PDB file of N, CA and C in Angstrom:
ATOM      1  N   MET A   1     -42.297  54.150  75.694  1.00  0.00           N
ATOM      2  CA  MET A   1     -41.240  55.121  75.693  1.00  0.00           C
ATOM      3  C   MET A   1     -41.120  55.710  77.087  1.00  0.00           C
ATOM      4  N   PRO A   2     -40.796  54.918  78.074  1.00  0.00           N
ATOM      5  CA  PRO A   2     -40.759  55.404  79.444  1.00  0.00           C
ATOM      6  C   PRO A   2     -39.751  56.532  79.623  1.00  0.00           C
ATOM      7  N   GLY A   3     -40.201  57.576  80.303  1.00  0.00           N
ATOM      8  CA  GLY A   3     -39.319  58.685  80.601  1.00  0.00           C
ATOM      9  C   GLY A   3     -39.279  59.759  79.525  1.00  0.00           C
ATOM     10  N   TYR A   4     -39.798  59.497  78.346  1.00  0.00           N
ATOM     11  CA  TYR A   4     -39.779  60.475  77.260  1.00  0.00           C
ATOM     12  C   TYR A   4     -41.198  60.770  76.820  1.00  0.00           C
ATOM     13  N   SER A   5     -41.436  62.015  76.451  1.00  0.00           N
ATOM     14  CA  SER A   5     -42.758  62.426  75.994  1.00  0.00           C
ATOM     15  C   SER A   5     -42.653  63.167  74.671  1.00  0.00           C
ATOM     16  N   ARG A   6     -43.743  63.160  73.958  1.00  0.00           N
ATOM     17  CA  ARG A   6     -43.816  63.910  72.713  1.00  0.00           C
ATOM     18  C   ARG A   6     -43.514  65.375  72.998  1.00  0.00           C
ATOM     19  N   HIS A   7     -42.717  65.982  72.146  1.00  0.00           N
ATOM     20  CA  HIS A   7     -42.307  67.388  72.202  1.00  0.00           C
ATOM     21  C   HIS A   7     -41.212  67.666  73.220  1.00  0.00           C
ATOM     22  N   ASN A   8     -40.647  66.605  73.844  1.00  0.00           N
ATOM     23  CA  ASN A   8     -39.423  66.798  74.638  1.00  0.00           C
ATOM     24  C   ASN A   8     -38.298  67.218  73.703  1.00  0.00           C
ATOM     25  N   LEU A   9     -37.480  68.160  74.138  1.00  0.00           N
ATOM     26  CA  LEU A   9     -36.232  68.466  73.449  1.00  0.00           C
ATOM     27  C   LEU A   9     -35.159  67.623  74.098  1.00  0.00           C
ATOM     28  N   ILE A  10     -34.391  66.931  73.286  1.00  0.00           N
ATOM     29  CA  ILE A  10     -33.389  66.006  73.799  1.00  0.00           C
ATOM     30  C   ILE A  10     -32.044  66.253  73.130  1.00  0.00           C
ATOM     31  N   LEU A  11     -31.010  65.761  73.765  1.00  0.00           N
ATOM     32  CA  LEU A  11     -29.713  65.624  73.117  1.00  0.00           C
ATOM     33  C   LEU A  11     -29.569  64.161  72.794  1.00  0.00           C
ATOM     34  N   VAL A  12     -29.224  63.868  71.550  1.00  0.00           N
ATOM     35  CA  VAL A  12     -29.178  62.490  71.095  1.00  0.00           C
ATOM     36  C   VAL A  12     -28.039  62.317  70.100  1.00  0.00           C
ATOM     37  N   ARG A  13     -27.455  61.151  70.110  1.00  0.00           N
ATOM     38  CA  ARG A  13     -26.439  60.817  69.106  1.00  0.00           C
ATOM     39  C   ARG A  13     -27.175  60.202  67.928  1.00  0.00           C
ATOM     40  N   TYR A  14     -27.179  60.920  66.815  1.00  0.00           N
ATOM     41  CA  TYR A  14     -27.811  60.341  65.636  1.00  0.00           C
ATOM     42  C   TYR A  14     -26.939  60.551  64.410  1.00  0.00           C
ATOM     43  N   PRO A  15     -27.149  59.704  63.405  1.00  0.00           N
ATOM     44  CA  PRO A  15     -26.254  59.704  62.233  1.00  0.00           C
ATOM     45  C   PRO A  15     -26.564  60.820  61.263  1.00  0.00           C
ATOM     46  N   PHE A  16     -25.542  61.189  60.487  1.00  0.00           N
ATOM     47  CA  PHE A  16     -25.758  62.057  59.337  1.00  0.00           C
ATOM     48  C   PHE A  16     -26.574  61.265  58.326  1.00  0.00           C
ATOM     49  N   SER A  17     -27.275  61.958  57.446  1.00  0.00           N
ATOM     50  CA  SER A  17     -28.153  61.266  56.496  1.00  0.00           C
ATOM     51  C   SER A  17     -27.394  60.319  55.564  1.00  0.00           C
ATOM     52  N   ASP A  18     -26.088  60.558  55.362  1.00  0.00           N
ATOM     53  CA  ASP A  18     -25.319  59.642  54.515  1.00  0.00           C
ATOM     54  C   ASP A  18     -24.672  58.507  55.318  1.00  0.00           C
ATOM     55  N   LEU A  19     -24.961  58.442  56.609  1.00  0.00           N
ATOM     56  CA  LEU A  19     -24.478  57.412  57.542  1.00  0.00           C
ATOM     57  C   LEU A  19     -22.952  57.391  57.675  1.00  0.00           C
ATOM     58  N   SER A  20     -22.280  58.479  57.286  1.00  0.00           N
ATOM     59  CA  SER A  20     -20.821  58.533  57.354  1.00  0.00           C
ATOM     60  C   SER A  20     -20.308  58.697  58.778  1.00  0.00           C
ATOM     61  N   SER A  21     -21.121  59.243  59.652  1.00  0.00           N
ATOM     62  CA  SER A  21     -20.709  59.490  61.029  1.00  0.00           C
ATOM     63  C   SER A  21     -21.951  59.823  61.847  1.00  0.00           C
ATOM     64  N   SER A  22     -21.760  60.079  63.118  1.00  0.00           N
ATOM     65  CA  SER A  22     -22.859  60.531  63.962  1.00  0.00           C
ATOM     66  C   SER A  22     -22.338  61.629  64.871  1.00  0.00           C
ATOM     67  N   LYS A  23     -23.264  62.385  65.428  1.00  0.00           N
ATOM     68  CA  LYS A  23     -22.901  63.499  66.280  1.00  0.00           C
ATOM     69  C   LYS A  23     -23.985  63.703  67.317  1.00  0.00           C
ATOM     70  N   VAL A  24     -23.613  64.276  68.450  1.00  0.00           N
ATOM     71  CA  VAL A  24     -24.607  64.627  69.461  1.00  0.00           C
ATOM     72  C   VAL A  24     -25.249  65.940  69.037  1.00  0.00           C
ATOM     73  N   ARG A  25     -26.553  65.907  68.879  1.00  0.00           N
ATOM     74  CA  ARG A  25     -27.309  67.063  68.420  1.00  0.00           C
ATOM     75  C   ARG A  25     -28.637  67.151  69.158  1.00  0.00           C
ATOM     76  N   PRO A  26     -29.215  68.355  69.196  1.00  0.00           N
ATOM     77  CA  PRO A  26     -30.562  68.476  69.762  1.00  0.00           C
ATOM     78  C   PRO A  26     -31.595  67.990  68.755  1.00  0.00           C
ATOM     79  N   ALA A  27     -32.684  67.508  69.276  1.00  0.00           N
ATOM     80  CA  ALA A  27     -33.802  67.040  68.453  1.00  0.00           C
ATOM     81  C   ALA A  27     -35.068  67.139  69.290  1.00  0.00           C
ATOM     82  N   VAL A  28     -36.188  67.027  68.635  1.00  0.00           N
ATOM     83  CA  VAL A  28     -37.470  67.008  69.332  1.00  0.00           C
ATOM     84  C   VAL A  28     -38.161  65.683  69.030  1.00  0.00           C
ATOM     85  N   ILE A  29     -38.730  65.092  70.064  1.00  0.00           N
ATOM     86  CA  ILE A  29     -39.462  63.829  69.908  1.00  0.00           C
ATOM     87  C   ILE A  29     -40.837  64.135  69.310  1.00  0.00           C
ATOM     88  N   VAL A  30     -41.184  63.428  68.230  1.00  0.00           N
ATOM     89  CA  VAL A  30     -42.495  63.617  67.615  1.00  0.00           C
ATOM     90  C   VAL A  30     -43.370  62.370  67.722  1.00  0.00           C
ATOM     91  N   SER A  31     -42.816  61.284  68.224  1.00  0.00           N
ATOM     92  CA  SER A  31     -43.620  60.064  68.389  1.00  0.00           C
ATOM     93  C   SER A  31     -44.335  60.097  69.732  1.00  0.00           C
ATOM     94  N   GLY A  32     -45.463  59.420  69.749  1.00  0.00           N
ATOM     95  CA  GLY A  32     -46.221  59.291  70.985  1.00  0.00           C
ATOM     96  C   GLY A  32     -45.796  58.043  71.734  1.00  0.00           C
ATOM     97  N   PRO A  33     -46.412  57.794  72.881  1.00  0.00           N
ATOM     98  CA  PRO A  33     -46.086  56.597  73.657  1.00  0.00           C
ATOM     99  C   PRO A  33     -46.293  55.327  72.832  1.00  0.00           C
ATOM    100  N   HIS A  34     -45.361  54.407  72.968  1.00  0.00           N
ATOM    101  CA  HIS A  34     -45.417  53.166  72.202  1.00  0.00           C
ATOM    102  C   HIS A  34     -44.579  52.131  72.944  1.00  0.00           C
ATOM    103  N   VAL A  35     -44.886  50.860  72.767  1.00  0.00           N
ATOM    104  CA  VAL A  35     -44.137  49.811  73.447  1.00  0.00           C
ATOM    105  C   VAL A  35     -42.719  49.664  72.921  1.00  0.00           C
ATOM    106  N   SER A  36     -42.465  50.165  71.719  1.00  0.00           N
ATOM    107  CA  SER A  36     -41.129  50.103  71.127  1.00  0.00           C
ATOM    108  C   SER A  36     -40.151  50.974  71.910  1.00  0.00           C
ATOM    109  N   GLN A  37     -38.880  50.611  71.878  1.00  0.00           N
ATOM    110  CA  GLN A  37     -37.834  51.428  72.488  1.00  0.00           C
ATOM    111  C   GLN A  37     -37.308  52.472  71.512  1.00  0.00           C
ATOM    112  N   ASP A  38     -37.921  52.554  70.326  1.00  0.00           N
ATOM    113  CA  ASP A  38     -37.510  53.527  69.330  1.00  0.00           C
ATOM    114  C   ASP A  38     -38.299  54.821  69.483  1.00  0.00           C
ATOM    115  N   LEU A  39     -37.622  55.928  69.211  1.00  0.00           N
ATOM    116  CA  LEU A  39     -38.234  57.255  69.220  1.00  0.00           C
ATOM    117  C   LEU A  39     -38.154  57.826  67.813  1.00  0.00           C
ATOM    118  N   ILE A  40     -39.177  58.551  67.411  1.00  0.00           N
ATOM    119  CA  ILE A  40     -39.129  59.270  66.147  1.00  0.00           C
ATOM    120  C   ILE A  40     -38.834  60.723  66.498  1.00  0.00           C
ATOM    121  N   ILE A  41     -37.783  61.256  65.865  1.00  0.00           N
ATOM    122  CA  ILE A  41     -37.322  62.599  66.213  1.00  0.00           C
ATOM    123  C   ILE A  41     -37.183  63.469  64.957  1.00  0.00           C
ATOM    124  N   VAL A  42     -37.196  64.765  65.183  1.00  0.00           N
ATOM    125  CA  VAL A  42     -36.935  65.768  64.151  1.00  0.00           C
ATOM    126  C   VAL A  42     -35.710  66.551  64.617  1.00  0.00           C
ATOM    127  N   PRO A  43     -34.744  66.777  63.731  1.00  0.00           N
ATOM    128  CA  PRO A  43     -33.523  67.469  64.127  1.00  0.00           C
ATOM    129  C   PRO A  43     -33.727  68.968  64.348  1.00  0.00           C
ATOM    130  N   ILE A  44     -32.838  69.519  65.161  1.00  0.00           N
ATOM    131  CA  ILE A  44     -32.797  70.950  65.441  1.00  0.00           C
ATOM    132  C   ILE A  44     -31.403  71.441  65.064  1.00  0.00           C
ATOM    133  N   THR A  45     -31.338  72.639  64.483  1.00  0.00           N
ATOM    134  CA  THR A  45     -30.064  73.213  64.066  1.00  0.00           C
ATOM    135  C   THR A  45     -29.940  74.656  64.543  1.00  0.00           C
ATOM    136  N   SER A  46     -28.707  75.123  64.654  1.00  0.00           N
ATOM    137  CA  SER A  46     -28.475  76.535  64.964  1.00  0.00           C
ATOM    138  C   SER A  46     -28.282  77.354  63.684  1.00  0.00           C
ATOM    139  N   ARG A  47     -28.284  76.703  62.546  1.00  0.00           N
ATOM    140  CA  ARG A  47     -28.206  77.418  61.263  1.00  0.00           C
ATOM    141  C   ARG A  47     -29.590  77.957  60.915  1.00  0.00           C
ATOM    142  N   LEU A  48     -29.715  79.263  60.898  1.00  0.00           N
ATOM    143  CA  LEU A  48     -31.025  79.891  60.745  1.00  0.00           C
ATOM    144  C   LEU A  48     -31.282  80.427  59.342  1.00  0.00           C
ATOM    145  N   THR A  49     -30.317  80.287  58.447  1.00  0.00           N
ATOM    146  CA  THR A  49     -30.498  80.790  57.087  1.00  0.00           C
ATOM    147  C   THR A  49     -30.711  79.626  56.128  1.00  0.00           C
ATOM    148  N   GLY A  50     -31.311  79.944  55.002  1.00  0.00           N
ATOM    149  CA  GLY A  50     -31.516  78.928  53.967  1.00  0.00           C
ATOM    150  C   GLY A  50     -32.502  77.852  54.368  1.00  0.00           C
ATOM    151  N   LEU A  51     -33.465  78.192  55.215  1.00  0.00           N
ATOM    152  CA  LEU A  51     -34.433  77.189  55.658  1.00  0.00           C
ATOM    153  C   LEU A  51     -35.372  76.804  54.514  1.00  0.00           C
ATOM    154  N   LEU A  52     -35.698  75.534  54.453  1.00  0.00           N
ATOM    155  CA  LEU A  52     -36.598  74.988  53.439  1.00  0.00           C
ATOM    156  C   LEU A  52     -38.050  75.124  53.895  1.00  0.00           C
ATOM    157  N   PRO A  53     -39.020  74.937  52.979  1.00  0.00           N
ATOM    158  CA  PRO A  53     -40.421  75.003  53.379  1.00  0.00           C
ATOM    159  C   PRO A  53     -40.710  74.077  54.562  1.00  0.00           C
ATOM    160  N   GLY A  54     -41.378  74.624  55.548  1.00  0.00           N
ATOM    161  CA  GLY A  54     -41.714  73.873  56.757  1.00  0.00           C
ATOM    162  C   GLY A  54     -40.673  73.971  57.855  1.00  0.00           C
ATOM    163  N   GLU A  55     -39.455  74.346  57.515  1.00  0.00           N
ATOM    164  CA  GLU A  55     -38.426  74.560  58.529  1.00  0.00           C
ATOM    165  C   GLU A  55     -38.658  75.950  59.124  1.00  0.00           C
ATOM    166  N   PHE A  56     -38.427  76.096  60.419  1.00  0.00           N
ATOM    167  CA  PHE A  56     -38.719  77.374  61.053  1.00  0.00           C
ATOM    168  C   PHE A  56     -37.860  77.578  62.297  1.00  0.00           C
ATOM    169  N   VAL A  57     -37.648  78.849  62.610  1.00  0.00           N
ATOM    170  CA  VAL A  57     -36.912  79.211  63.816  1.00  0.00           C
ATOM    171  C   VAL A  57     -37.862  79.079  65.002  1.00  0.00           C
ATOM    172  N   LEU A  58     -37.388  78.424  66.044  1.00  0.00           N
ATOM    173  CA  LEU A  58     -38.191  78.271  67.263  1.00  0.00           C
ATOM    174  C   LEU A  58     -38.393  79.634  67.921  1.00  0.00           C
ATOM    175  N   THR A  59     -39.635  79.948  68.238  1.00  0.00           N
ATOM    176  CA  THR A  59     -39.963  81.204  68.905  1.00  0.00           C
ATOM    177  C   THR A  59     -39.462  81.205  70.338  1.00  0.00           C
ATOM    178  N   GLU A  60     -39.652  80.102  71.021  1.00  0.00           N
ATOM    179  CA  GLU A  60     -39.317  79.992  72.446  1.00  0.00           C
ATOM    180  C   GLU A  60     -38.125  79.062  72.650  1.00  0.00           C
ATOM    181  N   TRP A  61     -37.063  79.264  71.885  1.00  0.00           N
ATOM    182  CA  TRP A  61     -35.892  78.376  71.950  1.00  0.00           C
ATOM    183  C   TRP A  61     -35.238  78.378  73.320  1.00  0.00           C
ATOM    184  N   HIS A  62     -35.143  79.524  73.962  1.00  0.00           N
ATOM    185  CA  HIS A  62     -34.463  79.594  75.268  1.00  0.00           C
ATOM    186  C   HIS A  62     -35.295  78.894  76.347  1.00  0.00           C
ATOM    187  N   ALA A  63     -36.589  79.150  76.344  1.00  0.00           N
ATOM    188  CA  ALA A  63     -37.481  78.507  77.327  1.00  0.00           C
ATOM    189  C   ALA A  63     -37.509  76.991  77.138  1.00  0.00           C
ATOM    190  N   ALA A  64     -37.217  76.528  75.918  1.00  0.00           N
ATOM    191  CA  ALA A  64     -37.213  75.092  75.632  1.00  0.00           C
ATOM    192  C   ALA A  64     -35.926  74.416  76.086  1.00  0.00           C
ATOM    193  N   GLY A  65     -34.950  75.215  76.572  1.00  0.00           N
ATOM    194  CA  GLY A  65     -33.713  74.632  77.089  1.00  0.00           C
ATOM    195  C   GLY A  65     -32.521  74.730  76.161  1.00  0.00           C
ATOM    196  N   LEU A  66     -32.667  75.442  75.054  1.00  0.00           N
ATOM    197  CA  LEU A  66     -31.559  75.592  74.114  1.00  0.00           C
ATOM    198  C   LEU A  66     -30.723  76.821  74.460  1.00  0.00           C
ATOM    199  N   ASN A  67     -29.447  76.776  74.132  1.00  0.00           N
ATOM    200  CA  ASN A  67     -28.526  77.860  74.474  1.00  0.00           C
ATOM    201  C   ASN A  67     -28.391  78.915  73.397  1.00  0.00           C
ATOM    202  N   THR A  68     -28.902  78.640  72.209  1.00  0.00           N
ATOM    203  CA  THR A  68     -28.748  79.549  71.085  1.00  0.00           C
ATOM    204  C   THR A  68     -30.007  79.497  70.223  1.00  0.00           C
ATOM    205  N   PRO A  69     -30.310  80.576  69.513  1.00  0.00           N
ATOM    206  CA  PRO A  69     -31.462  80.507  68.609  1.00  0.00           C
ATOM    207  C   PRO A  69     -31.316  79.295  67.683  1.00  0.00           C
ATOM    208  N   SER A  70     -32.419  78.585  67.509  1.00  0.00           N
ATOM    209  CA  SER A  70     -32.381  77.314  66.780  1.00  0.00           C
ATOM    210  C   SER A  70     -33.612  77.147  65.914  1.00  0.00           C
ATOM    211  N   ALA A  71     -33.484  76.262  64.934  1.00  0.00           N
ATOM    212  CA  ALA A  71     -34.573  76.017  63.995  1.00  0.00           C
ATOM    213  C   ALA A  71     -34.859  74.528  63.887  1.00  0.00           C
ATOM    214  N   ILE A  72     -36.104  74.233  63.594  1.00  0.00           N
ATOM    215  CA  ILE A  72     -36.524  72.873  63.273  1.00  0.00           C
ATOM    216  C   ILE A  72     -36.109  72.601  61.829  1.00  0.00           C
ATOM    217  N   LYS A  73     -35.463  71.450  61.605  1.00  0.00           N
ATOM    218  CA  LYS A  73     -35.031  71.045  60.273  1.00  0.00           C
ATOM    219  C   LYS A  73     -35.924  69.930  59.749  1.00  0.00           C
ATOM    220  N   ARG A  74     -36.081  69.894  58.436  1.00  0.00           N
ATOM    221  CA  ARG A  74     -36.861  68.837  57.809  1.00  0.00           C
ATOM    222  C   ARG A  74     -36.097  67.526  57.927  1.00  0.00           C
ATOM    223  N   GLY A  75     -36.753  66.532  58.453  1.00  0.00           N
ATOM    224  CA  GLY A  75     -36.165  65.210  58.578  1.00  0.00           C
ATOM    225  C   GLY A  75     -36.834  64.449  59.692  1.00  0.00           C
ATOM    226  N   LEU A  76     -36.998  63.177  59.484  1.00  0.00           N
ATOM    227  CA  LEU A  76     -37.521  62.277  60.506  1.00  0.00           C
ATOM    228  C   LEU A  76     -36.510  61.168  60.693  1.00  0.00           C
ATOM    229  N   TYR A  77     -36.139  60.924  61.929  1.00  0.00           N
ATOM    230  CA  TYR A  77     -35.190  59.861  62.250  1.00  0.00           C
ATOM    231  C   TYR A  77     -35.814  58.969  63.300  1.00  0.00           C
ATOM    232  N   THR A  78     -35.504  57.696  63.219  1.00  0.00           N
ATOM    233  CA  THR A  78     -35.874  56.757  64.262  1.00  0.00           C
ATOM    234  C   THR A  78     -34.597  56.382  64.993  1.00  0.00           C
ATOM    235  N   VAL A  79     -34.599  56.591  66.304  1.00  0.00           N
ATOM    236  CA  VAL A  79     -33.428  56.270  67.107  1.00  0.00           C
ATOM    237  C   VAL A  79     -33.853  55.430  68.298  1.00  0.00           C
ATOM    238  N   GLU A  80     -32.972  54.593  68.744  1.00  0.00           N
ATOM    239  CA  GLU A  80     -33.198  53.787  69.944  1.00  0.00           C
ATOM    240  C   GLU A  80     -33.125  54.717  71.151  1.00  0.00           C
ATOM    241  N   ALA A  81     -34.053  54.561  72.077  1.00  0.00           N
ATOM    242  CA  ALA A  81     -34.132  55.450  73.242  1.00  0.00           C
ATOM    243  C   ALA A  81     -32.830  55.496  74.029  1.00  0.00           C
ATOM    244  N   GLY A  82     -32.043  54.440  73.983  1.00  0.00           N
ATOM    245  CA  GLY A  82     -30.776  54.407  74.695  1.00  0.00           C
ATOM    246  C   GLY A  82     -29.744  55.390  74.147  1.00  0.00           C
ATOM    247  N   LEU A  83     -29.984  55.935  72.960  1.00  0.00           N
ATOM    248  CA  LEU A  83     -29.075  56.920  72.379  1.00  0.00           C
ATOM    249  C   LEU A  83     -29.316  58.332  72.903  1.00  0.00           C
ATOM    250  N   VAL A  84     -30.422  58.512  73.631  1.00  0.00           N
ATOM    251  CA  VAL A  84     -30.713  59.826  74.205  1.00  0.00           C
ATOM    252  C   VAL A  84     -29.750  60.079  75.358  1.00  0.00           C
ATOM    253  N   ILE A  85     -29.100  61.215  75.310  1.00  0.00           N
ATOM    254  CA  ILE A  85     -28.153  61.587  76.355  1.00  0.00           C
ATOM    255  C   ILE A  85     -28.880  62.256  77.508  1.00  0.00           C
ATOM    256  N   LYS A  86     -29.792  63.191  77.177  1.00  0.00           N
ATOM    257  CA  LYS A  86     -30.597  63.813  78.222  1.00  0.00           C
ATOM    258  C   LYS A  86     -31.739  64.602  77.608  1.00  0.00           C
ATOM    259  N   ILE A  87     -32.738  64.872  78.436  1.00  0.00           N
ATOM    260  CA  ILE A  87     -33.836  65.764  78.075  1.00  0.00           C
ATOM    261  C   ILE A  87     -33.393  67.170  78.462  1.00  0.00           C
ATOM    262  N   VAL A  88     -33.508  68.113  77.524  1.00  0.00           N
ATOM    263  CA  VAL A  88     -33.106  69.487  77.837  1.00  0.00           C
ATOM    264  C   VAL A  88     -34.287  70.414  78.040  1.00  0.00           C
ATOM    265  N   GLY A  89     -35.464  70.013  77.616  1.00  0.00           N
ATOM    266  CA  GLY A  89     -36.630  70.866  77.797  1.00  0.00           C
ATOM    267  C   GLY A  89     -37.835  70.356  77.049  1.00  0.00           C
ATOM    268  N   GLN A  90     -38.769  71.266  76.809  1.00  0.00           N
ATOM    269  CA  GLN A  90     -40.046  70.948  76.184  1.00  0.00           C
ATOM    270  C   GLN A  90     -40.409  72.093  75.243  1.00  0.00           C
ATOM    271  N   LEU A  91     -40.934  71.771  74.064  1.00  0.00           N
ATOM    272  CA  LEU A  91     -41.373  72.810  73.147  1.00  0.00           C
ATOM    273  C   LEU A  91     -42.529  73.602  73.733  1.00  0.00           C
ATOM    274  N   ALA A  92     -42.550  74.896  73.467  1.00  0.00           N
ATOM    275  CA  ALA A  92     -43.652  75.774  73.853  1.00  0.00           C
ATOM    276  C   ALA A  92     -44.833  75.529  72.924  1.00  0.00           C
ATOM    277  N   PRO A  93     -46.046  75.819  73.381  1.00  0.00           N
ATOM    278  CA  PRO A  93     -47.232  75.592  72.541  1.00  0.00           C
ATOM    279  C   PRO A  93     -47.159  76.239  71.160  1.00  0.00           C
ATOM    280  N   VAL A  94     -46.625  77.448  71.051  1.00  0.00           N
ATOM    281  CA  VAL A  94     -46.521  78.117  69.755  1.00  0.00           C
ATOM    282  C   VAL A  94     -45.619  77.328  68.806  1.00  0.00           C
ATOM    283  N   ASP A  95     -44.545  76.772  69.322  1.00  0.00           N
ATOM    284  CA  ASP A  95     -43.634  75.983  68.496  1.00  0.00           C
ATOM    285  C   ASP A  95     -44.198  74.599  68.199  1.00  0.00           C
ATOM    286  N   ILE A  96     -44.974  74.046  69.104  1.00  0.00           N
ATOM    287  CA  ILE A  96     -45.651  72.768  68.850  1.00  0.00           C
ATOM    288  C   ILE A  96     -46.607  72.923  67.669  1.00  0.00           C
ATOM    289  N   SER A  97     -47.373  74.014  67.657  1.00  0.00           N
ATOM    290  CA  SER A  97     -48.315  74.252  66.551  1.00  0.00           C
ATOM    291  C   SER A  97     -47.583  74.361  65.220  1.00  0.00           C
ATOM    292  N   ALA A  98     -46.473  75.077  65.209  1.00  0.00           N
ATOM    293  CA  ALA A  98     -45.695  75.217  63.975  1.00  0.00           C
ATOM    294  C   ALA A  98     -45.109  73.874  63.539  1.00  0.00           C
ATOM    295  N   LEU A  99     -44.636  73.083  64.498  1.00  0.00           N
ATOM    296  CA  LEU A  99     -44.080  71.768  64.168  1.00  0.00           C
ATOM    297  C   LEU A  99     -45.154  70.849  63.597  1.00  0.00           C
ATOM    298  N   GLU A 100     -46.320  70.840  64.198  1.00  0.00           N
ATOM    299  CA  GLU A 100     -47.409  69.992  63.695  1.00  0.00           C
ATOM    300  C   GLU A 100     -47.778  70.382  62.265  1.00  0.00           C
ATOM    301  N   ALA A 101     -47.809  71.694  61.975  1.00  0.00           N
ATOM    302  CA  ALA A 101     -48.091  72.157  60.614  1.00  0.00           C
ATOM    303  C   ALA A 101     -46.987  71.712  59.656  1.00  0.00           C
ATOM    304  N   SER A 102     -45.745  71.771  60.100  1.00  0.00           N
ATOM    305  CA  SER A 102     -44.621  71.343  59.263  1.00  0.00           C
ATOM    306  C   SER A 102     -44.699  69.857  58.961  1.00  0.00           C
ATOM    307  N   LEU A 103     -45.007  69.048  59.949  1.00  0.00           N
ATOM    308  CA  LEU A 103     -45.132  67.607  59.733  1.00  0.00           C
ATOM    309  C   LEU A 103     -46.222  67.306  58.713  1.00  0.00           C
ATOM    310  N   ARG A 104     -47.361  68.002  58.822  1.00  0.00           N
ATOM    311  CA  ARG A 104     -48.434  67.797  57.837  1.00  0.00           C
ATOM    312  C   ARG A 104     -47.951  68.172  56.432  1.00  0.00           C
ATOM    313  N   LEU A 105     -47.195  69.273  56.321  1.00  0.00           N
ATOM    314  CA  LEU A 105     -46.664  69.699  55.029  1.00  0.00           C
ATOM    315  C   LEU A 105     -45.689  68.660  54.474  1.00  0.00           C
ATOM    316  N   TRP A 106     -44.715  68.271  55.284  1.00  0.00           N
ATOM    317  CA  TRP A 106     -43.673  67.346  54.831  1.00  0.00           C
ATOM    318  C   TRP A 106     -44.224  65.990  54.438  1.00  0.00           C
ATOM    319  N   LEU A 107     -45.235  65.538  55.170  1.00  0.00           N
ATOM    320  CA  LEU A 107     -45.791  64.203  54.915  1.00  0.00           C
ATOM    321  C   LEU A 107     -47.031  64.238  54.021  1.00  0.00           C
ATOM    322  N   ASP A 108     -47.376  65.440  53.547  1.00  0.00           N
ATOM    323  CA  ASP A 108     -48.509  65.633  52.656  1.00  0.00           C
ATOM    324  C   ASP A 108     -49.804  65.095  53.289  1.00  0.00           C
ATOM    325  N   LEU A 109     -50.012  65.449  54.551  1.00  0.00           N
ATOM    326  CA  LEU A 109     -51.213  65.065  55.274  1.00  0.00           C
ATOM    327  C   LEU A 109     -52.186  66.239  55.282  1.00  0.00           C
ATOM    328  N   SER A 110     -53.464  65.964  55.252  1.00  0.00           N
ATOM    329  CA  SER A 110     -54.456  67.047  55.221  1.00  0.00           C
ATOM    330  C   SER A 110     -54.505  67.786  56.531  1.00  0.00           C
TER     331      SER A 110
END
């Protein structure tokens, strides 16, 4: 995954879950370095209400490069690295810890 690192905040074109369309949205990379050109990402949203278990508002959203308060949404997507438009920042340690806890919850990992 040259040029991209785990916990980078990116802008990426990815599909809606029903595959009806796609949109440029922020996301965070959760995959580590790998020979594949695919990245595993978690979506980010500016909708801060009605969050599901494990979804959370980023504490350091502005420092991470976002323009508005944002939340991590439940979902894992695999996208080709060529769909990344740009890197906008990096998650802060406090938000990394919360994301790691959310991933363990969502995937039922100990």
